Amino acid sequence: MQQRYVGTSGLQVSELGLGTMSWGQETDEEAAADSLKTFLEAGGTLIDTAAGYSDGRSEAILGSMLGDVVARPDVVIVSKAGISRHNGARQVDLSRRAMLDSLDATLARLGTDHLDLWLAHTWDPHVPLEETLSALELAVATGRTRYAGVSNHNGWQLARAVSLSNVPLVANQTEYSLVRRAVEREVVPATEALGVGTLAWGPLGRGVLTGKYRSSVPTGSRAASDRLAEYVAPYLAGRPERVTEALLTAARGLDRQPMEVALAWLLQQRTLAAAVVGARTPAQLKEAVSANTGALPEQIAEVLDEVSALPD
């Protein structure tokens, strides 16, 4: 698996990242351990988690494997703070207090003294940006993270954060795929101009770009889950469905799997440092990390660009 620099920083990560959002819920500890081993064997280094994933259980499961399944220096750990759930309701708090308390809890769950990259998980309209940035700056200054960045920020939010931060913000994690190209309007140009790297979540269109939803909703899939059905639903009809059909046609013509073509297309995009694959099972992850993500023929790439282009 190829290694890439994140933006103009010296941080290197594997081009595919291991997403752990399902760890502690759909993915139990045994399956998580198998997934991590599969990822490492394929040459992966980037592991993405967050304080808000499964109320911290995702981080705790990963922490239980550091030093056992994998040595801490052999992986690049990214975590995020600012989103949590209280009585099932989503809460956003990027105050200095909440951020630093969350970071200390993250490090305790992981059993490590530092993260490689720490991200503000989202934008908080109720907290001054300077206050949120002060938490990132302190975390870097005290060695609790090596690098800092943001997540789910639009173009002007990213530009504002970079301009005010006293430490480099090296990454913006955002949803990006053939069926989610809205980031190309403002976010990608901003990251390119500012030297920020893109970490793409949802690179397979929340699963639809695998082709598994083409004729029905498979039992056991995210779309069949009470918790995640709404997460997948926006991509099951309309324009995303047409993009998926074009992808399947391209995959047949290239004798490659739809997943391979979708990832290959994404990895060719500007500022892309890594695509974070949130596979729920070891089998799904093995398919992703074994994918042929080599460059697509120019003509195929152009067709996919055209069919998935943003409406004017």
C-alpha atoms as a PDB file:
ATOM      1  CA  MET A   1       0.000   0.000   0.000  1.00  0.00           C
ATOM      2  CA  GLN A   2       1.409   3.374  -0.973  1.00  0.00           C
ATOM      3  CA  GLN A   3       2.265   6.039   1.598  1.00  0.00           C
ATOM      4  CA  ARG A   4       1.313   9.674   1.033  1.00  0.00           C
ATOM      5  CA  TYR A   5       2.110  12.973   2.681  1.00  0.00           C
ATOM      6  CA  VAL A   6      -0.785  14.810   4.327  1.00  0.00           C
ATOM      7  CA  GLY A   7      -0.919  18.169   2.594  1.00  0.00           C
ATOM      8  CA  THR A   8       2.414  19.972   2.698  1.00  0.00           C
ATOM      9  CA  SER A   9       3.281  18.522   6.120  1.00  0.00           C
ATOM     10  CA  GLY A  10       5.821  15.808   6.823  1.00  0.00           C
ATOM     11  CA  LEU A  11       3.158  13.424   8.124  1.00  0.00           C
ATOM     12  CA  GLN A  12       2.918  10.262   6.032  1.00  0.00           C
ATOM     13  CA  VAL A  13      -0.073   7.919   6.023  1.00  0.00           C
ATOM     14  CA  SER A  14      -1.184   4.901   4.044  1.00  0.00           C
ATOM     15  CA  GLU A  15      -3.435   5.784   1.098  1.00  0.00           C
ATOM     16  CA  LEU A  16      -6.203   3.668   2.639  1.00  0.00           C
ATOM     17  CA  GLY A  17      -7.127   4.254   6.260  1.00  0.00           C
ATOM     18  CA  LEU A  18      -8.904   1.907   8.661  1.00  0.00           C
ATOM     19  CA  GLY A  19     -12.141   3.495   9.878  1.00  0.00           C
ATOM     20  CA  THR A  20     -13.412   2.322  13.271  1.00  0.00           C
ATOM     21  CA  MET A  21     -16.811   4.010  13.583  1.00  0.00           C
ATOM     22  CA  SER A  22     -18.563   0.633  13.869  1.00  0.00           C
ATOM     23  CA  TRP A  23     -16.176  -0.767  16.499  1.00  0.00           C
ATOM     24  CA  GLY A  24     -18.043  -1.402  19.725  1.00  0.00           C
ATOM     25  CA  GLN A  25     -21.403  -1.613  17.970  1.00  0.00           C
ATOM     26  CA  GLU A  26     -21.733  -3.598  14.716  1.00  0.00           C
ATOM     27  CA  THR A  27     -18.082  -4.755  15.000  1.00  0.00           C
ATOM     28  CA  ASP A  28     -17.116  -6.643  18.155  1.00  0.00           C
ATOM     29  CA  GLU A  29     -13.605  -6.912  19.628  1.00  0.00           C
ATOM     30  CA  GLU A  30     -12.742 -10.171  17.868  1.00  0.00           C
ATOM     31  CA  ALA A  31     -13.781  -8.850  14.461  1.00  0.00           C
ATOM     32  CA  ALA A  32     -11.952  -5.582  15.141  1.00  0.00           C
ATOM     33  CA  ALA A  33      -8.743  -7.461  15.933  1.00  0.00           C
ATOM     34  CA  ASP A  34      -9.054  -9.512  12.748  1.00  0.00           C
ATOM     35  CA  SER A  35      -9.670  -6.329  10.753  1.00  0.00           C
ATOM     36  CA  LEU A  36      -6.624  -4.626  12.220  1.00  0.00           C
ATOM     37  CA  LYS A  37      -4.413  -7.614  11.417  1.00  0.00           C
ATOM     38  CA  THR A  38      -5.720  -7.689   7.846  1.00  0.00           C
ATOM     39  CA  PHE A  39      -5.061  -3.961   7.493  1.00  0.00           C
ATOM     40  CA  LEU A  40      -1.523  -4.196   8.840  1.00  0.00           C
ATOM     41  CA  GLU A  41      -0.661  -7.166   6.640  1.00  0.00           C
ATOM     42  CA  ALA A  42      -1.694  -5.095   3.603  1.00  0.00           C
ATOM     43  CA  GLY A  43       0.737  -2.337   4.616  1.00  0.00           C
ATOM     44  CA  GLY A  44      -1.813   0.010   6.182  1.00  0.00           C
ATOM     45  CA  THR A  45      -0.738   2.500   8.842  1.00  0.00           C
ATOM     46  CA  LEU A  46      -3.552   5.065   9.213  1.00  0.00           C
ATOM     47  CA  ILE A  47      -6.183   4.221  11.833  1.00  0.00           C
ATOM     48  CA  ASP A  48      -9.078   6.640  12.251  1.00  0.00           C
ATOM     49  CA  THR A  49     -11.206   6.828  15.382  1.00  0.00           C
ATOM     50  CA  ALA A  50     -13.020   9.431  17.498  1.00  0.00           C
ATOM     51  CA  ALA A  51     -14.083  10.049  21.073  1.00  0.00           C
ATOM     52  CA  GLY A  52     -17.679  10.004  19.894  1.00  0.00           C
ATOM     53  CA  TYR A  53     -17.538   6.602  18.194  1.00  0.00           C
ATOM     54  CA  SER A  54     -19.566   4.168  20.288  1.00  0.00           C
ATOM     55  CA  ASP A  55     -19.187   6.499  23.288  1.00  0.00           C
ATOM     56  CA  GLY A  56     -15.460   5.867  23.403  1.00  0.00           C
ATOM     57  CA  ARG A  57     -15.605   2.101  22.967  1.00  0.00           C
ATOM     58  CA  SER A  58     -13.975   2.322  19.549  1.00  0.00           C
ATOM     59  CA  GLU A  59     -10.906   3.962  21.082  1.00  0.00           C
ATOM     60  CA  ALA A  60     -10.875   1.506  23.983  1.00  0.00           C
ATOM     61  CA  ILE A  61     -10.917  -1.489  21.629  1.00  0.00           C
ATOM     62  CA  LEU A  62      -8.068  -0.029  19.604  1.00  0.00           C
ATOM     63  CA  GLY A  63      -6.152   0.722  22.793  1.00  0.00           C
ATOM     64  CA  SER A  64      -6.473  -2.891  23.922  1.00  0.00           C
ATOM     65  CA  MET A  65      -4.563  -3.958  20.795  1.00  0.00           C
ATOM     66  CA  LEU A  66      -1.707  -1.458  20.942  1.00  0.00           C
ATOM     67  CA  GLY A  67       1.448  -3.227  22.038  1.00  0.00           C
ATOM     68  CA  ASP A  68      -0.176  -6.617  21.465  1.00  0.00           C
ATOM     69  CA  VAL A  69      -1.505  -6.791  17.911  1.00  0.00           C
ATOM     70  CA  VAL A  70       0.594  -3.830  16.772  1.00  0.00           C
ATOM     71  CA  ALA A  71       3.402  -1.724  18.204  1.00  0.00           C
ATOM     72  CA  ARG A  72       2.385   1.887  18.803  1.00  0.00           C
ATOM     73  CA  PRO A  73       5.145   3.368  16.572  1.00  0.00           C
ATOM     74  CA  ASP A  74       3.953   1.285  13.606  1.00  0.00           C
ATOM     75  CA  VAL A  75       0.616   3.051  13.212  1.00  0.00           C
ATOM     76  CA  VAL A  76      -0.625   6.597  12.647  1.00  0.00           C
ATOM     77  CA  ILE A  77      -3.566   7.187  14.974  1.00  0.00           C
ATOM     78  CA  VAL A  78      -6.097   9.899  14.186  1.00  0.00           C
ATOM     79  CA  SER A  79      -8.815  10.783  16.657  1.00  0.00           C
ATOM     80  CA  LYS A  80     -11.385  13.536  16.891  1.00  0.00           C
ATOM     81  CA  ALA A  81     -13.155  15.488  19.607  1.00  0.00           C
ATOM     82  CA  GLY A  82     -16.225  17.689  19.782  1.00  0.00           C
ATOM     83  CA  ILE A  83     -19.158  15.354  19.064  1.00  0.00           C
ATOM     84  CA  SER A  84     -20.807  13.168  21.675  1.00  0.00           C
ATOM     85  CA  ARG A  85     -24.213  11.720  22.488  1.00  0.00           C
ATOM     86  CA  HIS A  86     -26.314  12.300  25.575  1.00  0.00           C
ATOM     87  CA  ASN A  87     -29.473  10.205  26.015  1.00  0.00           C
ATOM     88  CA  GLY A  88     -29.206   9.347  22.340  1.00  0.00           C
ATOM     89  CA  ALA A  89     -29.082  12.982  21.210  1.00  0.00           C
ATOM     90  CA  ARG A  90     -26.110  14.321  19.261  1.00  0.00           C
ATOM     91  CA  GLN A  91     -24.221  17.063  21.075  1.00  0.00           C
ATOM     92  CA  VAL A  92     -21.536  19.383  19.718  1.00  0.00           C
ATOM     93  CA  ASP A  93     -19.108  21.108  22.112  1.00  0.00           C
ATOM     94  CA  LEU A  94     -15.769  22.410  20.899  1.00  0.00           C
ATOM     95  CA  SER A  95     -15.050  24.566  23.930  1.00  0.00           C
ATOM     96  CA  ARG A  96     -11.495  24.470  25.254  1.00  0.00           C
ATOM     97  CA  ARG A  97     -12.609  22.601  28.357  1.00  0.00           C
ATOM     98  CA  ALA A  98     -14.586  19.968  26.468  1.00  0.00           C
ATOM     99  CA  MET A  99     -11.875  19.463  23.861  1.00  0.00           C
ATOM    100  CA  LEU A 100      -9.023  19.007  26.338  1.00  0.00           C
ATOM    101  CA  ASP A 101     -11.086  16.796  28.661  1.00  0.00           C
ATOM    102  CA  SER A 102     -11.982  14.684  25.632  1.00  0.00           C
ATOM    103  CA  LEU A 103      -8.345  14.436  24.563  1.00  0.00           C
ATOM    104  CA  ASP A 104      -7.203  13.263  27.984  1.00  0.00           C
ATOM    105  CA  ALA A 105      -9.963  10.622  28.006  1.00  0.00           C
ATOM    106  CA  THR A 106      -8.989   9.538  24.483  1.00  0.00           C
ATOM    107  CA  LEU A 107      -5.356   9.049  25.465  1.00  0.00           C
ATOM    108  CA  ALA A 108      -6.384   7.070  28.545  1.00  0.00           C
ATOM    109  CA  ARG A 109      -8.621   4.760  26.506  1.00  0.00           C
ATOM    110  CA  LEU A 110      -5.923   4.246  23.895  1.00  0.00           C
ATOM    111  CA  GLY A 111      -3.226   3.708  26.513  1.00  0.00           C
ATOM    112  CA  THR A 112      -0.810   6.053  24.758  1.00  0.00           C
ATOM    113  CA  ASP A 113       0.690   9.428  25.601  1.00  0.00           C
ATOM    114  CA  HIS A 114       0.053  10.989  22.199  1.00  0.00           C
ATOM    115  CA  LEU A 115      -1.979  10.975  19.011  1.00  0.00           C
ATOM    116  CA  ASP A 116      -0.394  11.391  15.614  1.00  0.00           C
ATOM    117  CA  LEU A 117      -3.206  13.638  14.421  1.00  0.00           C
ATOM    118  CA  TRP A 118      -6.010  15.229  16.444  1.00  0.00           C
ATOM    119  CA  LEU A 119      -8.994  16.821  14.724  1.00  0.00           C
ATOM    120  CA  ALA A 120     -11.789  19.151  15.734  1.00  0.00           C
ATOM    121  CA  HIS A 121     -14.620  16.830  14.707  1.00  0.00           C
ATOM    122  CA  THR A 122     -16.932  19.504  13.323  1.00  0.00           C
ATOM    123  CA  TRP A 123     -17.653  23.234  13.320  1.00  0.00           C
ATOM    124  CA  ASP A 124     -19.233  24.663  16.458  1.00  0.00           C
ATOM    125  CA  PRO A 125     -21.167  27.893  15.797  1.00  0.00           C
ATOM    126  CA  HIS A 126     -21.608  28.510  19.543  1.00  0.00           C
ATOM    127  CA  VAL A 127     -17.916  28.557  20.512  1.00  0.00           C
ATOM    128  CA  PRO A 128     -15.407  31.159  19.314  1.00  0.00           C
ATOM    129  CA  LEU A 129     -13.086  29.554  16.783  1.00  0.00           C
ATOM    130  CA  GLU A 130     -10.077  30.997  18.601  1.00  0.00           C
ATOM    131  CA  GLU A 131     -11.075  29.034  21.705  1.00  0.00           C
ATOM    132  CA  THR A 132     -11.294  25.745  19.821  1.00  0.00           C
ATOM    133  CA  LEU A 133      -7.968  26.436  18.143  1.00  0.00           C
ATOM    134  CA  SER A 134      -6.355  27.168  21.508  1.00  0.00           C
ATOM    135  CA  ALA A 135      -7.107  23.569  22.540  1.00  0.00           C
ATOM    136  CA  LEU A 136      -5.461  22.211  19.383  1.00  0.00           C
ATOM    137  CA  GLU A 137      -2.468  24.474  19.940  1.00  0.00           C
ATOM    138  CA  LEU A 138      -2.036  23.375  23.565  1.00  0.00           C
ATOM    139  CA  ALA A 139      -2.299  19.722  22.572  1.00  0.00           C
ATOM    140  CA  VAL A 140       0.555  20.181  20.083  1.00  0.00           C
ATOM    141  CA  ALA A 141       2.638  22.268  22.489  1.00  0.00           C
ATOM    142  CA  THR A 142       2.342  19.657  25.251  1.00  0.00           C
ATOM    143  CA  GLY A 143       3.091  16.725  22.953  1.00  0.00           C
ATOM    144  CA  ARG A 144      -0.315  15.138  23.328  1.00  0.00           C
ATOM    145  CA  THR A 145      -0.634  15.195  19.553  1.00  0.00           C
ATOM    146  CA  ARG A 146       2.007  15.486  16.869  1.00  0.00           C
ATOM    147  CA  TYR A 147      -0.258  17.228  14.338  1.00  0.00           C
ATOM    148  CA  ALA A 148      -3.616  18.992  14.391  1.00  0.00           C
ATOM    149  CA  GLY A 149      -6.427  19.517  11.923  1.00  0.00           C
ATOM    150  CA  VAL A 150     -10.167  19.755  11.457  1.00  0.00           C
ATOM    151  CA  SER A 151     -13.037  17.641  10.185  1.00  0.00           C
ATOM    152  CA  ASN A 152     -16.229  18.399   8.282  1.00  0.00           C
ATOM    153  CA  HIS A 153     -15.321  22.050   7.706  1.00  0.00           C
ATOM    154  CA  ASN A 154     -16.489  23.815   4.574  1.00  0.00           C
ATOM    155  CA  GLY A 155     -14.232  26.051   2.514  1.00  0.00           C
ATOM    156  CA  TRP A 156     -14.551  29.325   4.403  1.00  0.00           C
ATOM    157  CA  GLN A 157     -14.480  27.591   7.781  1.00  0.00           C
ATOM    158  CA  LEU A 158     -11.260  25.807   6.866  1.00  0.00           C
ATOM    159  CA  ALA A 159      -9.671  29.018   5.561  1.00  0.00           C
ATOM    160  CA  ARG A 160     -10.648  30.893   8.708  1.00  0.00           C
ATOM    161  CA  ALA A 161      -9.265  28.165  10.961  1.00  0.00           C
ATOM    162  CA  VAL A 162      -5.954  27.979   9.112  1.00  0.00           C
ATOM    163  CA  SER A 163      -5.553  31.756   9.153  1.00  0.00           C
ATOM    164  CA  LEU A 164      -6.140  32.019  12.918  1.00  0.00           C
ATOM    165  CA  SER A 165      -4.277  28.926  14.127  1.00  0.00           C
ATOM    166  CA  ASN A 166      -0.861  29.338  15.715  1.00  0.00           C
ATOM    167  CA  VAL A 167       0.074  25.790  14.692  1.00  0.00           C
ATOM    168  CA  PRO A 168      -0.247  24.310  11.194  1.00  0.00           C
ATOM    169  CA  LEU A 169      -3.552  22.595  10.508  1.00  0.00           C
ATOM    170  CA  VAL A 170      -2.468  19.783   8.217  1.00  0.00           C
ATOM    171  CA  ALA A 171      -5.717  17.950   7.429  1.00  0.00           C
ATOM    172  CA  ASN A 172      -9.429  18.310   6.830  1.00  0.00           C
ATOM    173  CA  GLN A 173     -11.447  15.113   7.038  1.00  0.00           C
ATOM    174  CA  THR A 174     -14.538  15.294   4.863  1.00  0.00           C
ATOM    175  CA  GLU A 175     -16.974  13.059   3.010  1.00  0.00           C
ATOM    176  CA  TYR A 176     -15.803  12.538  -0.558  1.00  0.00           C
ATOM    177  CA  SER A 177     -16.719   9.959  -3.186  1.00  0.00           C
ATOM    178  CA  LEU A 178     -18.128   9.601  -6.689  1.00  0.00           C
ATOM    179  CA  VAL A 179     -21.590  10.238  -5.255  1.00  0.00           C
ATOM    180  CA  ARG A 180     -20.462  13.007  -2.912  1.00  0.00           C
ATOM    181  CA  ARG A 181     -18.449  15.582  -4.846  1.00  0.00           C
ATOM    182  CA  ALA A 182     -19.847  18.767  -3.301  1.00  0.00           C
ATOM    183  CA  VAL A 183     -16.477  19.331  -1.596  1.00  0.00           C
ATOM    184  CA  GLU A 184     -15.000  20.133  -5.002  1.00  0.00           C
ATOM    185  CA  ARG A 185     -16.829  23.469  -5.128  1.00  0.00           C
ATOM    186  CA  GLU A 186     -15.065  25.129  -2.193  1.00  0.00           C
ATOM    187  CA  VAL A 187     -13.344  22.658   0.114  1.00  0.00           C
ATOM    188  CA  VAL A 188     -10.889  21.073  -2.320  1.00  0.00           C
ATOM    189  CA  PRO A 189      -9.761  24.430  -3.767  1.00  0.00           C
ATOM    190  CA  ALA A 190      -9.290  25.716  -0.204  1.00  0.00           C
ATOM    191  CA  THR A 191      -7.255  22.697   0.907  1.00  0.00           C
ATOM    192  CA  GLU A 192      -5.104  22.961  -2.212  1.00  0.00           C
ATOM    193  CA  ALA A 193      -4.427  26.671  -1.712  1.00  0.00           C
ATOM    194  CA  LEU A 194      -3.702  26.248   1.984  1.00  0.00           C
ATOM    195  CA  GLY A 195      -1.513  23.146   1.761  1.00  0.00           C
ATOM    196  CA  VAL A 196      -3.989  21.045   3.741  1.00  0.00           C
ATOM    197  CA  GLY A 197      -4.453  17.345   3.028  1.00  0.00           C
ATOM    198  CA  THR A 198      -7.839  15.673   2.557  1.00  0.00           C
ATOM    199  CA  LEU A 199      -8.804  12.563   4.491  1.00  0.00           C
ATOM    200  CA  ALA A 200     -11.920  11.219   2.800  1.00  0.00           C
ATOM    201  CA  TRP A 201     -14.560   9.450   4.840  1.00  0.00           C
ATOM    202  CA  GLY A 202     -17.357   7.565   3.092  1.00  0.00           C
ATOM    203  CA  PRO A 203     -15.146   6.880   0.032  1.00  0.00           C
ATOM    204  CA  LEU A 204     -17.512   4.131  -1.109  1.00  0.00           C
ATOM    205  CA  GLY A 205     -20.614   6.297  -0.911  1.00  0.00           C
ATOM    206  CA  ARG A 206     -21.674   4.799   2.420  1.00  0.00           C
ATOM    207  CA  GLY A 207     -21.512   1.380   0.770  1.00  0.00           C
ATOM    208  CA  VAL A 208     -23.562   1.988  -2.370  1.00  0.00           C
ATOM    209  CA  LEU A 209     -20.496   2.110  -4.646  1.00  0.00           C
ATOM    210  CA  THR A 210     -19.821  -1.563  -3.925  1.00  0.00           C
ATOM    211  CA  GLY A 211     -22.941  -2.337  -5.970  1.00  0.00           C
ATOM    212  CA  LYS A 212     -24.526  -4.396  -3.205  1.00  0.00           C
ATOM    213  CA  TYR A 213     -27.688  -2.245  -3.111  1.00  0.00           C
ATOM    214  CA  ARG A 214     -28.317  -2.427  -6.840  1.00  0.00           C
ATOM    215  CA  SER A 215     -31.408  -4.637  -6.723  1.00  0.00           C
ATOM    216  CA  SER A 216     -32.297  -4.876  -3.031  1.00  0.00           C
ATOM    217  CA  VAL A 217     -31.176  -4.092   0.493  1.00  0.00           C
ATOM    218  CA  PRO A 218     -29.147  -7.074   1.730  1.00  0.00           C
ATOM    219  CA  THR A 219     -29.904  -8.463   5.164  1.00  0.00           C
ATOM    220  CA  GLY A 220     -27.233  -7.374   7.610  1.00  0.00           C
ATOM    221  CA  SER A 221     -26.193  -4.327   5.578  1.00  0.00           C
ATOM    222  CA  ARG A 222     -26.134  -0.797   6.963  1.00  0.00           C
ATOM    223  CA  ALA A 223     -29.257   0.110   4.999  1.00  0.00           C
ATOM    224  CA  ALA A 224     -31.084  -2.744   6.727  1.00  0.00           C
ATOM    225  CA  SER A 225     -30.041  -1.520  10.165  1.00  0.00           C
ATOM    226  CA  ASP A 226     -32.385   0.581  12.282  1.00  0.00           C
ATOM    227  CA  ARG A 227     -29.423   2.665  13.432  1.00  0.00           C
ATOM    228  CA  LEU A 228     -27.852   3.290  10.009  1.00  0.00           C
ATOM    229  CA  ALA A 229     -30.694   3.066   7.482  1.00  0.00           C
ATOM    230  CA  GLU A 230     -31.054   6.860   7.338  1.00  0.00           C
ATOM    231  CA  TYR A 231     -27.281   7.159   6.879  1.00  0.00           C
ATOM    232  CA  VAL A 232     -27.410   5.162   3.630  1.00  0.00           C
ATOM    233  CA  ALA A 233     -30.841   6.197   2.336  1.00  0.00           C
ATOM    234  CA  PRO A 234     -29.809   9.439   0.521  1.00  0.00           C
ATOM    235  CA  TYR A 235     -27.609   7.439  -1.867  1.00  0.00           C
ATOM    236  CA  LEU A 236     -30.059   4.712  -2.867  1.00  0.00           C
ATOM    237  CA  ALA A 237     -31.972   6.589  -5.573  1.00  0.00           C
ATOM    238  CA  GLY A 238     -31.786   9.475  -8.029  1.00  0.00           C
ATOM    239  CA  ARG A 239     -28.418  10.798  -9.149  1.00  0.00           C
ATOM    240  CA  PRO A 240     -26.352   8.495  -6.861  1.00  0.00           C
ATOM    241  CA  GLU A 241     -28.124   5.491  -8.370  1.00  0.00           C
ATOM    242  CA  ARG A 242     -27.219   6.651 -11.896  1.00  0.00           C
ATOM    243  CA  VAL A 243     -23.593   7.189 -10.871  1.00  0.00           C
ATOM    244  CA  THR A 244     -23.479   3.708  -9.371  1.00  0.00           C
ATOM    245  CA  GLU A 245     -24.817   2.166 -12.571  1.00  0.00           C
ATOM    246  CA  ALA A 246     -22.099   3.940 -14.574  1.00  0.00           C
ATOM    247  CA  LEU A 247     -19.500   2.708 -12.102  1.00  0.00           C
ATOM    248  CA  LEU A 248     -20.708  -0.886 -12.454  1.00  0.00           C
ATOM    249  CA  THR A 249     -20.504  -0.605 -16.236  1.00  0.00           C
ATOM    250  CA  ALA A 250     -16.943   0.750 -16.024  1.00  0.00           C
ATOM    251  CA  ALA A 251     -15.946  -2.011 -13.609  1.00  0.00           C
ATOM    252  CA  ARG A 252     -17.227  -4.724 -15.953  1.00  0.00           C
ATOM    253  CA  GLY A 253     -15.342  -3.183 -18.861  1.00  0.00           C
ATOM    254  CA  LEU A 254     -12.110  -3.107 -16.859  1.00  0.00           C
ATOM    255  CA  ASP A 255     -12.667  -6.544 -15.298  1.00  0.00           C
ATOM    256  CA  ARG A 256     -12.318  -4.954 -11.871  1.00  0.00           C
ATOM    257  CA  GLN A 257     -14.613  -4.774  -8.872  1.00  0.00           C
ATOM    258  CA  PRO A 258     -16.770  -1.651  -8.433  1.00  0.00           C
ATOM    259  CA  MET A 259     -15.043  -0.956  -5.118  1.00  0.00           C
ATOM    260  CA  GLU A 260     -11.654  -0.956  -6.845  1.00  0.00           C
ATOM    261  CA  VAL A 261     -12.768   1.507  -9.483  1.00  0.00           C
ATOM    262  CA  ALA A 262     -14.424   3.811  -6.945  1.00  0.00           C
ATOM    263  CA  LEU A 263     -11.314   3.920  -4.766  1.00  0.00           C
ATOM    264  CA  ALA A 264      -8.992   4.300  -7.751  1.00  0.00           C
ATOM    265  CA  TRP A 265     -11.021   7.279  -8.985  1.00  0.00           C
ATOM    266  CA  LEU A 266     -10.937   8.943  -5.570  1.00  0.00           C
ATOM    267  CA  LEU A 267      -7.212   8.393  -5.014  1.00  0.00           C
ATOM    268  CA  GLN A 268      -6.507  10.335  -8.201  1.00  0.00           C
ATOM    269  CA  GLN A 269      -8.202  13.485  -6.899  1.00  0.00           C
ATOM    270  CA  ARG A 270      -6.322  16.622  -5.866  1.00  0.00           C
ATOM    271  CA  THR A 271      -5.218  16.980  -2.210  1.00  0.00           C
ATOM    272  CA  LEU A 272      -6.346  13.419  -1.367  1.00  0.00           C
ATOM    273  CA  ALA A 273      -4.031  11.979   1.278  1.00  0.00           C
ATOM    274  CA  ALA A 274      -6.087   8.940   2.237  1.00  0.00           C
ATOM    275  CA  ALA A 275      -9.468   7.276   1.841  1.00  0.00           C
ATOM    276  CA  VAL A 276     -10.768   6.031   5.194  1.00  0.00           C
ATOM    277  CA  VAL A 277     -12.627   2.755   4.669  1.00  0.00           C
ATOM    278  CA  GLY A 278     -15.125   1.981   7.407  1.00  0.00           C
ATOM    279  CA  ALA A 279     -15.625  -1.724   6.807  1.00  0.00           C
ATOM    280  CA  ARG A 280     -17.810  -3.444   9.395  1.00  0.00           C
ATOM    281  CA  THR A 281     -16.368  -6.944   8.917  1.00  0.00           C
ATOM    282  CA  PRO A 282     -12.881  -8.372   8.314  1.00  0.00           C
ATOM    283  CA  ALA A 283     -14.105  -9.798   4.993  1.00  0.00           C
ATOM    284  CA  GLN A 284     -15.214  -6.375   3.778  1.00  0.00           C
ATOM    285  CA  LEU A 285     -11.920  -4.830   4.829  1.00  0.00           C
ATOM    286  CA  LYS A 286      -9.893  -7.576   3.153  1.00  0.00           C
ATOM    287  CA  GLU A 287     -11.712  -6.867  -0.095  1.00  0.00           C
ATOM    288  CA  ALA A 288     -10.924  -3.151   0.205  1.00  0.00           C
ATOM    289  CA  VAL A 289      -7.233  -3.444   1.086  1.00  0.00           C
ATOM    290  CA  SER A 290      -6.734  -6.079  -1.610  1.00  0.00           C
ATOM    291  CA  ALA A 291      -8.282  -3.804  -4.216  1.00  0.00           C
ATOM    292  CA  ASN A 292      -6.375  -2.784  -7.306  1.00  0.00           C
ATOM    293  CA  THR A 293      -6.356   0.986  -6.789  1.00  0.00           C
ATOM    294  CA  GLY A 294      -3.987   1.675  -9.655  1.00  0.00           C
ATOM    295  CA  ALA A 295      -4.708   4.581 -11.979  1.00  0.00           C
ATOM    296  CA  LEU A 296      -7.759   4.280 -14.196  1.00  0.00           C
ATOM    297  CA  PRO A 297      -7.488   4.584 -17.992  1.00  0.00           C
ATOM    298  CA  GLU A 298      -7.927   8.241 -18.907  1.00  0.00           C
ATOM    299  CA  GLN A 299     -11.080   7.615 -20.926  1.00  0.00           C
ATOM    300  CA  ILE A 300     -12.772   5.720 -18.088  1.00  0.00           C
ATOM    301  CA  ALA A 301     -11.831   8.410 -15.574  1.00  0.00           C
ATOM    302  CA  GLU A 302     -13.284  11.074 -17.862  1.00  0.00           C
ATOM    303  CA  VAL A 303     -16.574   9.194 -18.219  1.00  0.00           C
ATOM    304  CA  LEU A 304     -16.872   8.799 -14.449  1.00  0.00           C
ATOM    305  CA  ASP A 305     -16.034  12.473 -13.991  1.00  0.00           C
ATOM    306  CA  GLU A 306     -18.768  13.426 -16.426  1.00  0.00           C
ATOM    307  CA  VAL A 307     -21.531  11.203 -15.103  1.00  0.00           C
ATOM    308  CA  SER A 308     -20.827  12.153 -11.483  1.00  0.00           C
ATOM    309  CA  ALA A 309     -20.242  15.872 -12.118  1.00  0.00           C
ATOM    310  CA  LEU A 310     -21.966  18.349  -9.839  1.00  0.00           C
ATOM    311  CA  PRO A 311     -25.062  19.994 -11.293  1.00  0.00           C
ATOM    312  CA  ASP A 312     -24.611  23.619 -12.340  1.00  0.00           C
END
